[in-house]
N, C-alpha and C. Protein backbone atom coordinates (compact mmCIF):
# COMPACT_ATOMS: atom_id res chain seq x y z
N UNK A 1 1.02 -1.31 -0.17
CA UNK A 1 0.00 0.17 -0.04
C UNK A 1 0.78 1.48 0.09
N UNK A 2 0.45 1.92 -0.94
CA UNK A 2 1.45 3.44 -1.13
C UNK A 2 0.71 4.43 0.02
N UNK A 3 1.75 5.17 0.46
CA UNK A 3 1.06 6.29 1.26
C UNK A 3 1.59 7.75 0.82
N UNK A 4 1.09 8.60 0.64
CA UNK A 4 1.72 9.79 0.08
C UNK A 4 1.24 11.10 1.08
N UNK A 5 2.40 11.94 1.32
CA UNK A 5 2.32 12.96 2.11
C UNK A 5 2.88 14.21 1.49
N UNK A 6 1.96 15.23 1.63
CA UNK A 6 2.21 16.32 1.07
C UNK A 6 2.80 17.50 2.12
N UNK A 7 3.81 18.35 1.94
CA UNK A 7 3.98 19.49 2.52
C UNK A 7 4.86 20.64 1.84
N UNK A 8 4.74 21.68 2.79
CA UNK A 8 5.52 22.96 1.58
C UNK A 8 4.25 23.69 1.77
N UNK A 9 2.86 23.61 2.23
CA UNK A 9 1.92 24.68 2.02
C UNK A 9 2.27 25.86 3.33
N UNK A 10 1.55 26.73 2.77
CA UNK A 10 1.52 27.76 3.70
C UNK A 10 0.74 29.07 3.43
N UNK A 11 0.99 30.46 3.76
CA UNK A 11 0.65 31.67 3.64
C UNK A 11 1.71 32.35 3.09
N UNK A 12 1.41 32.66 1.96
CA UNK A 12 2.14 33.63 1.21
C UNK A 12 1.69 34.75 0.31
N UNK A 13 2.32 36.01 0.24
CA UNK A 13 1.98 37.23 -0.29
C UNK A 13 1.61 36.94 -2.05
N UNK A 14 0.90 37.48 -2.52
CA UNK A 14 1.01 37.29 -4.27
C UNK A 14 2.18 37.99 -4.55
N UNK A 15 2.39 37.21 -5.82
CA UNK A 15 3.68 37.06 -6.42
C UNK A 15 4.90 36.49 -5.72
N UNK A 16 4.50 35.78 -4.54
CA UNK A 16 5.41 34.96 -3.73
C UNK A 16 5.70 33.90 -4.57
N UNK A 17 6.64 32.82 -3.89
CA UNK A 17 6.52 31.61 -4.46
C UNK A 17 6.65 30.22 -3.18
N UNK A 18 6.09 29.05 -3.63
CA UNK A 18 6.26 27.85 -2.45
C UNK A 18 6.61 26.65 -3.21
N UNK A 19 7.04 25.79 -2.68
CA UNK A 19 7.71 24.37 -3.03
C UNK A 19 7.04 23.46 -2.31
N UNK A 20 6.23 22.84 -2.92
CA UNK A 20 5.28 21.53 -2.28
C UNK A 20 6.29 20.67 -2.77
N UNK A 21 6.06 19.48 -1.50
CA UNK A 21 6.82 18.31 -1.86
C UNK A 21 5.50 17.08 -1.43
N UNK A 22 5.88 15.96 -2.33
CA UNK A 22 5.07 14.83 -2.04
C UNK A 22 5.82 13.66 -1.47
N UNK A 23 6.16 13.28 -0.42
CA UNK A 23 7.11 12.14 -0.20
C UNK A 23 5.81 10.57 -0.16
N UNK A 24 6.46 9.89 -0.61
CA UNK A 24 5.97 8.65 -0.86
C UNK A 24 6.60 7.63 -0.25
N UNK A 25 5.83 6.70 0.75
CA UNK A 25 6.46 5.31 1.13
C UNK A 25 5.54 4.29 0.51
N UNK A 26 6.40 3.02 0.28
CA UNK A 26 5.82 2.04 -0.25
C UNK A 26 6.76 1.58 -1.74
N UNK A 27 6.54 0.10 -1.75
CA UNK A 27 7.77 -0.41 -2.42
C UNK A 27 7.59 -0.08 -3.90
N UNK A 28 6.29 0.38 -4.38
CA UNK A 28 5.69 0.30 -5.98
C UNK A 28 5.85 2.00 -6.39
N UNK A 29 6.50 2.75 -5.64
CA UNK A 29 6.23 4.23 -5.84
C UNK A 29 6.85 4.46 -7.28
N UNK A 30 8.06 3.79 -7.80
CA UNK A 30 8.89 4.44 -8.95
C UNK A 30 8.04 3.55 -10.15
N UNK A 31 6.69 2.68 -9.83
CA UNK A 31 5.85 2.53 -11.15
C UNK A 31 4.94 3.01 -11.35
N UNK A 32 4.66 4.44 -10.40
CA UNK A 32 3.37 5.12 -10.63
C UNK A 32 3.77 6.60 -10.97
N UNK A 33 2.86 7.04 -12.15
CA UNK A 33 2.78 8.40 -12.65
C UNK A 33 2.19 8.95 -11.27
N UNK A 34 2.63 10.14 -11.19
CA UNK A 34 2.41 11.18 -10.24
C UNK A 34 1.98 12.50 -10.43
N UNK A 35 0.68 13.14 -9.94
CA UNK A 35 -0.09 14.30 -10.28
C UNK A 35 -0.21 15.03 -9.02
N UNK A 36 -0.36 16.25 -9.09
CA UNK A 36 -0.87 16.93 -8.37
C UNK A 36 -2.48 17.82 -8.88
N UNK A 37 -3.25 17.95 -7.90
CA UNK A 37 -4.40 18.78 -7.80
C UNK A 37 -4.73 19.60 -6.95
N UNK A 38 -5.72 20.18 -7.01
CA UNK A 38 -6.04 21.41 -6.03
C UNK A 38 -7.49 21.53 -6.10
N UNK A 39 -7.79 22.02 -4.85
CA UNK A 39 -9.26 22.06 -4.65
C UNK A 39 -9.54 23.31 -3.83
N UNK A 40 -10.26 24.47 -4.15
CA UNK A 40 -10.84 25.32 -3.60
C UNK A 40 -11.64 25.26 -2.85
N UNK A 41 -12.11 26.05 -1.79
CA UNK A 41 -13.41 25.88 -1.08
C UNK A 41 -14.77 26.07 -2.12
N UNK A 42 -15.61 25.27 -2.11
CA UNK A 42 -16.62 25.38 -3.16
C UNK A 42 -16.91 25.14 -4.33
N UNK A 43 -15.32 24.47 -4.84
CA UNK A 43 -15.07 24.37 -6.37
C UNK A 43 -14.73 22.38 -6.33
N UNK A 44 -14.87 22.20 -7.67
CA UNK A 44 -14.32 20.85 -7.80
C UNK A 44 -12.66 20.77 -7.69
N UNK A 45 -11.97 19.73 -7.40
CA UNK A 45 -10.63 19.30 -7.43
C UNK A 45 -10.26 19.54 -9.02
N UNK A 46 -9.60 20.09 -9.64
CA UNK A 46 -8.92 20.47 -10.38
C UNK A 46 -7.36 19.88 -10.91
N UNK A 47 -7.09 19.36 -11.67
CA UNK A 47 -5.54 18.94 -12.61
C UNK A 47 -4.59 20.38 -12.55
N UNK A 48 -3.39 19.93 -11.83
CA UNK A 48 -2.65 21.12 -11.87
C UNK A 48 -1.30 20.55 -12.61
N UNK A 49 -0.89 19.40 -12.22
CA UNK A 49 0.34 19.20 -13.09
C UNK A 49 0.77 17.80 -12.93
N UNK A 50 1.68 16.72 -13.75
CA UNK A 50 1.89 15.39 -13.47
C UNK A 50 3.13 15.16 -13.95
N UNK A 51 3.61 13.89 -13.57
CA UNK A 51 5.02 13.54 -13.83
C UNK A 51 4.87 12.24 -14.22
N UNK A 52 5.66 11.96 -15.11
CA UNK A 52 5.69 10.15 -15.63
C UNK A 52 6.44 9.64 -14.77
N UNK A 53 6.62 8.44 -14.83
CA UNK A 53 7.15 7.39 -13.92
C UNK A 53 8.98 7.39 -13.67
N UNK A 54 9.77 7.98 -15.20
CA UNK A 54 10.97 8.06 -15.16
C UNK A 54 11.13 9.64 -15.07
N UNK A 55 10.19 10.72 -15.12
CA UNK A 55 10.31 11.96 -15.19
C UNK A 55 10.42 12.39 -16.09
N UNK A 56 10.28 11.98 -17.29
CA UNK A 56 10.61 12.22 -18.50
C UNK A 56 9.13 13.00 -19.30
N UNK A 57 7.97 12.75 -18.76
CA UNK A 57 6.90 13.31 -19.28
C UNK A 57 6.25 14.25 -18.20
N UNK A 58 6.30 15.79 -18.84
CA UNK A 58 5.58 16.63 -17.36
C UNK A 58 4.10 17.52 -18.32
N UNK A 59 3.60 17.34 -17.57
CA UNK A 59 2.08 17.69 -18.29
C UNK A 59 1.62 19.03 -16.84
N UNK A 60 0.94 20.01 -17.68
CA UNK A 60 0.61 21.33 -17.05
C UNK A 60 -0.65 21.34 -17.10
N UNK A 61 -1.98 21.97 -16.35
CA UNK A 61 -2.93 22.80 -16.68
C UNK A 61 -2.46 23.76 -17.39
N UNK A 62 -2.90 24.15 -18.41
CA UNK A 62 -2.45 25.26 -19.69
C UNK A 62 -2.44 26.52 -18.74
N UNK A 63 -2.96 27.09 -17.88
CA UNK A 63 -3.30 28.16 -17.47
C UNK A 63 -2.01 28.17 -15.94
N UNK A 64 -1.67 27.27 -16.11
CA UNK A 64 -0.50 26.98 -15.01
C UNK A 64 0.92 26.79 -15.34
N UNK A 65 1.08 26.50 -16.73
CA UNK A 65 2.73 25.76 -17.16
C UNK A 65 3.61 26.78 -16.79
N UNK A 66 3.19 28.31 -17.07
CA UNK A 66 4.40 29.13 -17.24
C UNK A 66 4.80 29.64 -15.50
N UNK A 67 4.02 29.22 -14.58
CA UNK A 67 4.44 29.60 -13.26
C UNK A 67 4.69 28.37 -12.58
N UNK A 68 4.26 27.20 -12.86
CA UNK A 68 4.49 25.86 -11.91
C UNK A 68 5.42 24.87 -12.43
N UNK A 69 6.55 24.19 -11.92
CA UNK A 69 7.21 23.26 -12.26
C UNK A 69 7.21 22.14 -11.59
N UNK A 70 7.13 20.83 -12.02
CA UNK A 70 7.05 19.60 -11.27
C UNK A 70 8.39 18.86 -11.67
N UNK A 71 8.91 18.18 -10.66
CA UNK A 71 9.97 17.66 -10.75
C UNK A 71 9.73 16.23 -9.74
N UNK A 72 10.63 15.41 -10.15
CA UNK A 72 10.81 13.93 -9.43
C UNK A 72 12.18 13.39 -9.03
N UNK A 73 12.38 12.97 -7.89
CA UNK A 73 13.57 12.28 -7.55
C UNK A 73 13.58 11.57 -6.67
N UNK A 74 14.04 10.47 -6.50
CA UNK A 74 13.60 9.24 -5.18
C UNK A 74 12.16 8.98 -5.19
N UNK A 75 12.00 9.22 -4.10
CA UNK A 75 10.61 8.98 -3.45
C UNK A 75 9.80 10.28 -3.20
N UNK A 76 10.40 11.42 -3.87
CA UNK A 76 9.67 12.46 -3.79
C UNK A 76 9.29 13.03 -4.91
N UNK A 77 8.24 13.89 -4.92
CA UNK A 77 7.67 14.71 -6.27
C UNK A 77 7.73 15.99 -5.67
N UNK A 78 8.00 17.19 -6.25
CA UNK A 78 8.27 18.57 -5.66
C UNK A 78 7.36 19.33 -7.06
N UNK A 79 6.61 20.05 -6.63
CA UNK A 79 6.45 21.24 -7.34
C UNK A 79 6.54 22.87 -6.99
N UNK A 80 7.50 23.40 -7.79
CA UNK A 80 8.09 24.62 -7.31
C UNK A 80 6.52 25.88 -7.99
N UNK A 81 6.02 26.43 -7.50
CA UNK A 81 4.93 27.42 -7.66
C UNK A 81 5.18 28.73 -7.49
N UNK A 82 5.64 29.50 -8.72
CA UNK A 82 6.15 30.98 -8.29
C UNK A 82 5.01 31.81 -8.82
N UNK A 83 4.95 33.41 -8.55
CA UNK A 83 4.28 34.11 -9.15
C UNK A 83 2.73 34.14 -8.74
N UNK A 84 2.43 33.26 -7.61
CA UNK A 84 1.46 33.04 -6.98
C UNK A 84 0.68 33.92 -6.77
N UNK A 85 -0.79 33.86 -6.82
CA UNK A 85 -1.63 34.61 -7.11
C UNK A 85 -2.70 34.46 -6.09
N UNK A 86 -3.70 35.23 -5.64
CA UNK A 86 -4.96 34.79 -4.83
C UNK A 86 -5.67 33.71 -5.33
N UNK A 87 -6.00 33.47 -6.74
CA UNK A 87 -6.71 32.46 -7.20
C UNK A 87 -6.01 30.78 -7.06
N UNK A 88 -4.82 30.97 -6.78
CA UNK A 88 -4.14 29.94 -6.58
C UNK A 88 -4.58 28.92 -4.95
N UNK A 89 -5.08 29.79 -4.33
CA UNK A 89 -5.61 29.53 -3.28
C UNK A 89 -6.63 28.47 -2.95
N UNK A 90 -6.22 27.24 -2.20
CA UNK A 90 -6.48 25.91 -2.48
C UNK A 90 -5.78 24.73 -1.40
N UNK A 91 -6.52 23.87 -1.42
CA UNK A 91 -5.67 22.47 -0.97
C UNK A 91 -5.07 21.86 -2.02
N UNK A 92 -3.96 21.54 -1.85
CA UNK A 92 -3.27 20.94 -2.74
C UNK A 92 -2.91 19.27 -2.18
N UNK A 93 -3.18 18.55 -3.32
CA UNK A 93 -3.08 17.20 -3.01
C UNK A 93 -2.29 16.47 -4.32
N UNK A 94 -1.39 15.42 -3.67
CA UNK A 94 -0.53 14.55 -4.78
C UNK A 94 -1.37 13.20 -4.73
N UNK A 95 -1.16 12.47 -5.75
CA UNK A 95 -1.76 11.29 -5.93
C UNK A 95 -1.07 10.48 -7.03
N UNK A 96 -1.31 9.26 -7.20
CA UNK A 96 -0.43 8.04 -7.67
C UNK A 96 -1.59 7.23 -8.76
N UNK A 97 -0.93 7.13 -9.79
CA UNK A 97 -1.85 6.43 -10.83
C UNK A 97 -1.03 5.71 -11.41
N UNK A 98 -1.58 4.59 -12.28
CA UNK A 98 -0.75 3.56 -13.20
C UNK A 98 -1.49 3.13 -14.38
N UNK A 99 -2.64 3.72 -14.46
CA UNK A 99 -3.64 3.51 -15.59
C UNK A 99 -4.19 5.09 -15.88
N UNK A 100 -4.87 4.94 -16.92
CA UNK A 100 -5.74 6.14 -17.55
C UNK A 100 -5.29 7.23 -18.03
N UNK A 101 -5.79 8.31 -17.49
CA UNK A 101 -5.19 9.63 -18.48
C UNK A 101 -4.89 10.34 -17.18
N UNK A 102 -3.98 11.17 -17.13
CA UNK A 102 -3.61 12.04 -16.05
C UNK A 102 -4.10 13.06 -15.46
N UNK A 103 -5.32 13.65 -16.17
CA UNK A 103 -5.91 14.85 -16.02
C UNK A 103 -7.31 14.22 -15.09
N UNK A 104 -7.28 12.84 -15.21
CA UNK A 104 -8.60 12.23 -14.54
C UNK A 104 -8.54 11.97 -13.19
N UNK A 105 -9.06 12.61 -12.17
CA UNK A 105 -8.85 12.22 -10.86
C UNK A 105 -9.38 10.75 -10.41
N UNK A 106 -10.17 10.26 -11.01
CA UNK A 106 -10.88 8.99 -11.03
C UNK A 106 -9.84 8.00 -11.34
N UNK A 107 -8.87 8.15 -12.30
CA UNK A 107 -7.80 7.33 -12.53
C UNK A 107 -6.63 7.41 -11.76
N UNK A 108 -6.55 8.18 -10.48
CA UNK A 108 -5.61 7.91 -9.47
C UNK A 108 -6.15 7.07 -8.16
N UNK A 109 -4.98 6.33 -7.75
CA UNK A 109 -5.82 5.19 -7.16
C UNK A 109 -5.35 5.30 -5.69
N UNK A 110 -4.17 6.06 -5.23
CA UNK A 110 -3.79 6.70 -4.30
C UNK A 110 -3.48 8.27 -3.97
N UNK A 111 -3.87 8.51 -3.05
CA UNK A 111 -3.95 10.40 -2.52
C UNK A 111 -3.54 10.63 -1.16
N UNK A 112 -2.79 11.84 -1.18
CA UNK A 112 -2.18 12.32 0.38
C UNK A 112 -3.33 12.91 0.83
N UNK A 113 -2.84 13.35 1.94
CA UNK A 113 -4.36 14.20 2.87
C UNK A 113 -4.31 15.68 2.43
N UNK A 114 -3.37 16.14 1.43
CA UNK A 114 -3.54 17.86 1.11
C UNK A 114 -2.70 18.50 2.09
N UNK A 115 -2.39 19.68 1.33
CA UNK A 115 -1.64 20.85 2.08
C UNK A 115 -2.30 22.31 1.53
N UNK A 116 -2.61 22.92 2.61
CA UNK A 116 -3.21 24.05 2.37
C UNK A 116 -2.47 25.13 1.92
N UNK A 117 -2.32 25.69 0.72
CA UNK A 117 -2.09 27.17 0.28
C UNK A 117 -2.96 28.12 0.21
N UNK A 118 -2.26 29.36 0.97
CA UNK A 118 -3.25 30.36 0.92
C UNK A 118 -2.46 31.38 0.23
N UNK A 119 -2.90 32.46 -0.49
CA UNK A 119 -2.36 33.56 -1.39
C UNK A 119 -2.91 34.82 -0.77
N UNK A 120 -2.19 35.79 0.06
CA UNK A 120 -2.95 37.14 0.17
C UNK A 120 -2.72 37.98 -0.64
N UNK A 121 -3.73 38.87 -0.92
CA UNK A 121 -3.31 39.89 -1.74
C UNK A 121 -2.75 41.35 -1.37
């Protein structure tokens, strides 16, 4: 059973940066693609970014690709978030999948508990 733990969230002013980390435990992490999603109050969970098993494939939500960067090393997946905006305020989740489409929440089998990101104006 894989476990995912997010960290790195917090309160930041608009224009600032945060680096989120997803730490995985379990023997099969290296066989899973990893995605980041976020959910703001009253909104559906939405895709943010994803990275393939070997880190060669990186995918981003179109509106975020110029500000967010996903990377992978060992049993961690990081997401660097720059030029943050109040609209980026949400709980950010990492998740693992080995089937389906990277944008679909239903194709992810394991989820972390989330980390809160709050961007003040």
